[in-house]
N, C-alpha and C. Protein backbone atom coordinates (compact mmCIF):
# COMPACT_ATOMS: atom_id res chain seq x y z
N MET A 1 22.67 -7.90 -35.36
CA MET A 1 23.50 -7.57 -36.79
C MET A 1 24.98 -7.68 -36.32
N LEU A 2 25.18 -7.20 -35.07
CA LEU A 2 26.68 -6.92 -34.25
C LEU A 2 26.94 -8.16 -34.38
N LYS A 3 26.18 -9.53 -33.83
CA LYS A 3 26.55 -10.80 -33.74
C LYS A 3 27.10 -11.54 -35.35
N LEU A 4 26.44 -11.15 -36.36
CA LEU A 4 26.77 -11.72 -37.80
C LEU A 4 27.70 -11.00 -38.15
N ILE A 5 27.83 -9.73 -37.76
CA ILE A 5 29.38 -9.35 -38.50
C ILE A 5 30.65 -9.85 -37.25
N PHE A 6 30.48 -10.00 -36.03
CA PHE A 6 31.43 -11.19 -35.17
C PHE A 6 31.74 -11.85 -35.68
N THR A 7 30.80 -12.98 -36.20
CA THR A 7 30.82 -14.28 -36.40
C THR A 7 31.83 -14.11 -38.07
N ILE A 8 31.78 -13.14 -39.02
CA ILE A 8 32.31 -13.28 -40.18
C ILE A 8 33.54 -12.76 -40.02
N GLY A 9 33.89 -11.57 -38.79
CA GLY A 9 35.19 -11.39 -38.40
C GLY A 9 35.51 -12.65 -37.74
N VAL A 10 35.44 -13.41 -37.06
CA VAL A 10 36.15 -14.37 -36.75
C VAL A 10 36.33 -15.67 -37.62
N VAL A 11 35.42 -15.72 -38.26
CA VAL A 11 35.52 -16.68 -39.38
C VAL A 11 37.07 -16.44 -40.37
N TYR A 12 36.71 -15.24 -40.79
CA TYR A 12 37.96 -14.64 -41.56
C TYR A 12 39.02 -14.41 -41.18
N ALA A 13 39.00 -14.36 -39.63
CA ALA A 13 40.76 -14.46 -39.14
C ALA A 13 40.85 -15.89 -39.16
N VAL A 14 40.23 -16.81 -38.47
CA VAL A 14 40.55 -17.54 -38.54
C VAL A 14 41.31 -18.57 -40.05
N TRP A 15 40.60 -18.19 -41.17
CA TRP A 15 41.19 -18.06 -42.31
C TRP A 15 42.29 -17.69 -42.74
N TYR A 16 42.27 -16.72 -42.48
CA TYR A 16 43.48 -15.54 -42.75
C TYR A 16 44.80 -16.57 -41.79
N SER A 17 44.69 -17.01 -40.83
CA SER A 17 45.49 -17.41 -39.91
C SER A 17 45.94 -18.90 -40.49
N PHE A 18 45.25 -19.79 -41.01
CA PHE A 18 45.29 -20.79 -41.64
C PHE A 18 46.06 -20.58 -42.72
N LYS A 19 45.60 -19.82 -43.78
CA LYS A 19 46.13 -19.46 -44.72
C LYS A 19 47.62 -18.99 -44.57
N ASN A 20 48.11 -18.09 -43.85
CA ASN A 20 49.46 -18.06 -43.83
C ASN A 20 50.24 -18.89 -42.53
N TRP A 21 49.72 -19.66 -42.05
CA TRP A 21 50.51 -20.69 -41.25
C TRP A 21 50.80 -21.86 -42.41
N ALA A 22 49.96 -22.20 -43.59
CA ALA A 22 50.20 -22.86 -44.35
C ALA A 22 51.37 -22.81 -45.31
N ARG A 23 51.40 -21.24 -45.69
CA ARG A 23 52.11 -20.61 -46.19
C ARG A 23 53.52 -20.53 -45.62
N ILE A 24 53.81 -20.34 -44.39
CA ILE A 24 54.92 -20.10 -43.61
C ILE A 24 55.55 -21.43 -43.43
N SER A 25 55.12 -22.21 -43.38
CA SER A 25 55.32 -23.89 -43.44
C SER A 25 56.15 -24.69 -44.40
N ALA A 26 55.17 -23.81 -45.40
CA ALA A 26 55.77 -24.63 -47.02
C ALA A 26 57.17 -23.91 -47.14
N ALA A 27 57.41 -22.59 -46.74
CA ALA A 27 58.45 -21.79 -46.77
C ALA A 27 59.55 -22.43 -45.91
N TYR A 28 59.37 -22.76 -44.83
CA TYR A 28 60.23 -23.54 -43.70
C TYR A 28 60.76 -25.08 -44.11
N LYS A 29 59.92 -25.60 -45.00
CA LYS A 29 60.17 -26.56 -45.28
C LYS A 29 61.03 -26.68 -46.47
N GLU A 30 61.04 -25.73 -47.46
CA GLU A 30 61.88 -25.51 -48.27
C GLU A 30 63.15 -25.19 -48.08
N VAL A 31 63.17 -24.12 -46.82
CA VAL A 31 64.55 -24.00 -46.55
C VAL A 31 65.41 -24.87 -46.07
N GLN A 32 64.30 -25.79 -45.20
CA GLN A 32 65.36 -27.07 -44.63
C GLN A 32 65.89 -28.27 -45.81
N ASP A 33 65.00 -28.14 -47.08
CA ASP A 33 65.20 -29.10 -47.69
C ASP A 33 66.66 -28.35 -48.35
N GLU A 34 66.92 -26.86 -48.84
CA GLU A 34 67.96 -26.50 -49.07
C GLU A 34 69.13 -26.51 -48.57
N LYS A 35 69.03 -26.35 -47.10
CA LYS A 35 70.07 -26.82 -45.99
C LYS A 35 70.41 -28.29 -46.39
N ALA A 36 69.55 -29.23 -46.48
CA ALA A 36 69.88 -30.51 -46.49
C ALA A 36 70.83 -30.74 -48.06
N ARG A 37 70.59 -30.38 -48.99
CA ARG A 37 70.95 -30.16 -50.24
C ARG A 37 72.52 -29.44 -50.25
N ALA A 38 72.43 -28.65 -49.46
CA ALA A 38 73.58 -27.57 -49.42
C ALA A 38 74.68 -28.58 -48.51
N GLU A 39 74.27 -29.48 -47.24
CA GLU A 39 75.18 -30.22 -46.41
C GLU A 39 75.56 -31.56 -47.09
N GLY A 40 74.96 -31.69 -48.63
CA GLY A 40 75.05 -33.18 -48.95
C GLY A 40 74.42 -34.28 -48.61
N ALA A 41 73.02 -34.09 -47.74
CA ALA A 41 72.39 -34.83 -47.24
C ALA A 41 71.34 -35.56 -48.25
N GLU A 42 71.32 -36.56 -48.47
CA GLU A 42 70.10 -36.87 -49.28
C GLU A 42 68.68 -36.93 -48.91
N ILE A 43 67.83 -36.78 -49.58
CA ILE A 43 66.73 -36.35 -49.29
C ILE A 43 65.93 -37.76 -49.72
N LYS A 44 65.10 -38.58 -48.88
CA LYS A 44 64.28 -39.58 -49.05
C LYS A 44 63.02 -39.11 -49.94
N SER A 45 62.92 -39.71 -51.24
CA SER A 45 62.11 -39.43 -52.13
C SER A 45 61.03 -40.43 -52.02
N LYS A 46 61.43 -41.72 -52.05
CA LYS A 46 60.74 -42.91 -52.00
C LYS A 46 60.55 -43.21 -50.56
N PRO A 47 59.58 -44.01 -50.37
CA PRO A 47 58.86 -44.59 -49.24
C PRO A 47 59.69 -45.71 -48.71
N ARG A 48 59.90 -45.82 -47.67
CA ARG A 48 60.50 -47.50 -47.48
C ARG A 48 59.53 -48.50 -47.89
N GLN A 49 60.21 -49.92 -48.30
CA GLN A 49 59.75 -50.92 -48.51
C GLN A 49 59.20 -51.75 -47.47
N PRO A 50 57.81 -52.31 -47.08
CA PRO A 50 57.85 -53.04 -46.33
C PRO A 50 58.68 -54.33 -45.81
N VAL A 51 58.79 -54.97 -44.99
CA VAL A 51 59.57 -56.07 -44.68
C VAL A 51 59.00 -57.25 -44.88
N VAL A 52 59.40 -57.81 -45.97
CA VAL A 52 58.26 -59.18 -45.76
C VAL A 52 58.90 -60.47 -45.51
N GLN A 53 58.41 -61.59 -45.02
CA GLN A 53 59.00 -62.52 -44.40
C GLN A 53 57.84 -64.05 -45.24
N ASP A 54 58.55 -64.98 -45.53
CA ASP A 54 58.41 -66.41 -45.75
C ASP A 54 57.41 -66.79 -44.86
N LEU A 55 56.26 -67.54 -44.82
CA LEU A 55 55.65 -68.37 -43.73
C LEU A 55 55.57 -69.69 -44.63
N VAL A 56 55.65 -70.62 -43.54
CA VAL A 56 55.74 -72.06 -43.75
C VAL A 56 54.50 -72.53 -42.94
N PRO A 57 54.04 -73.95 -43.19
CA PRO A 57 53.26 -74.17 -42.57
C PRO A 57 53.46 -75.19 -41.65
N CYS A 58 52.82 -75.21 -40.26
CA CYS A 58 53.04 -75.98 -39.48
C CYS A 58 52.80 -77.20 -39.54
N PRO A 59 53.77 -78.14 -39.36
CA PRO A 59 53.53 -79.98 -39.28
C PRO A 59 52.46 -80.44 -38.66
N LYS A 60 52.40 -80.06 -37.43
CA LYS A 60 51.10 -80.29 -36.69
C LYS A 60 49.93 -79.80 -36.79
N CYS A 61 49.56 -78.82 -36.84
CA CYS A 61 48.26 -77.74 -36.92
C CYS A 61 48.01 -77.26 -38.18
N GLY A 62 49.05 -77.19 -39.01
CA GLY A 62 48.68 -76.43 -40.52
C GLY A 62 48.89 -75.04 -40.39
N SER A 63 48.87 -74.46 -39.18
CA SER A 63 48.61 -72.76 -39.51
C SER A 63 49.99 -72.27 -39.96
N TYR A 64 49.71 -71.10 -40.85
CA TYR A 64 51.49 -70.67 -41.06
C TYR A 64 52.22 -69.63 -40.05
N VAL A 65 53.42 -69.66 -39.99
CA VAL A 65 54.26 -69.08 -39.10
C VAL A 65 55.66 -68.49 -40.00
N ALA A 66 55.87 -67.77 -39.45
CA ALA A 66 57.26 -67.23 -40.06
C ALA A 66 58.20 -68.32 -40.31
N ALA A 67 58.99 -68.33 -41.04
CA ALA A 67 60.22 -69.24 -41.29
C ALA A 67 61.17 -69.07 -40.16
N GLY A 68 61.35 -70.34 -39.53
CA GLY A 68 62.20 -70.10 -38.32
C GLY A 68 61.39 -69.90 -37.05
N ALA A 69 60.32 -69.69 -37.09
CA ALA A 69 59.83 -69.50 -35.74
C ALA A 69 58.82 -70.52 -35.51
N VAL A 70 58.63 -70.59 -34.38
CA VAL A 70 57.97 -71.62 -33.45
C VAL A 70 56.52 -71.53 -33.43
N CYS A 71 55.98 -72.25 -33.38
CA CYS A 71 54.31 -72.10 -33.69
C CYS A 71 53.73 -72.35 -32.02
N SER A 72 52.46 -71.76 -31.94
CA SER A 72 52.56 -71.50 -30.75
C SER A 72 51.75 -73.20 -30.46
N CYS A 73 51.27 -74.08 -31.01
CA CYS A 73 51.01 -75.24 -30.85
C CYS A 73 51.91 -75.99 -30.35
N GLU A 74 53.24 -75.84 -30.47
CA GLU A 74 54.50 -76.52 -30.11
C GLU A 74 54.86 -76.04 -28.96
N LYS A 75 54.18 -74.76 -28.77
CA LYS A 75 55.03 -74.19 -27.22
C LYS A 75 54.16 -74.56 -26.10
N ALA A 76 52.71 -75.10 -26.33
CA ALA A 76 52.19 -75.65 -24.97
C ALA A 76 52.31 -76.77 -24.73
């Protein structure tokens, strides 16, 4: 019976600690965002777009390489 009560106590302590940690993290992030707005810094809301390169076929082997790059078949 004591083991069951101890286990329930440990589970409750871990759950309560995690809940408080999440609340503190959210409050910290909110304070940091407010500081950034007060300083005039821009908060990024959109993720960066990936860099896109055009590919061209190699005249010798036909594999596609980035435009302006040298194909591995020409290096050998």
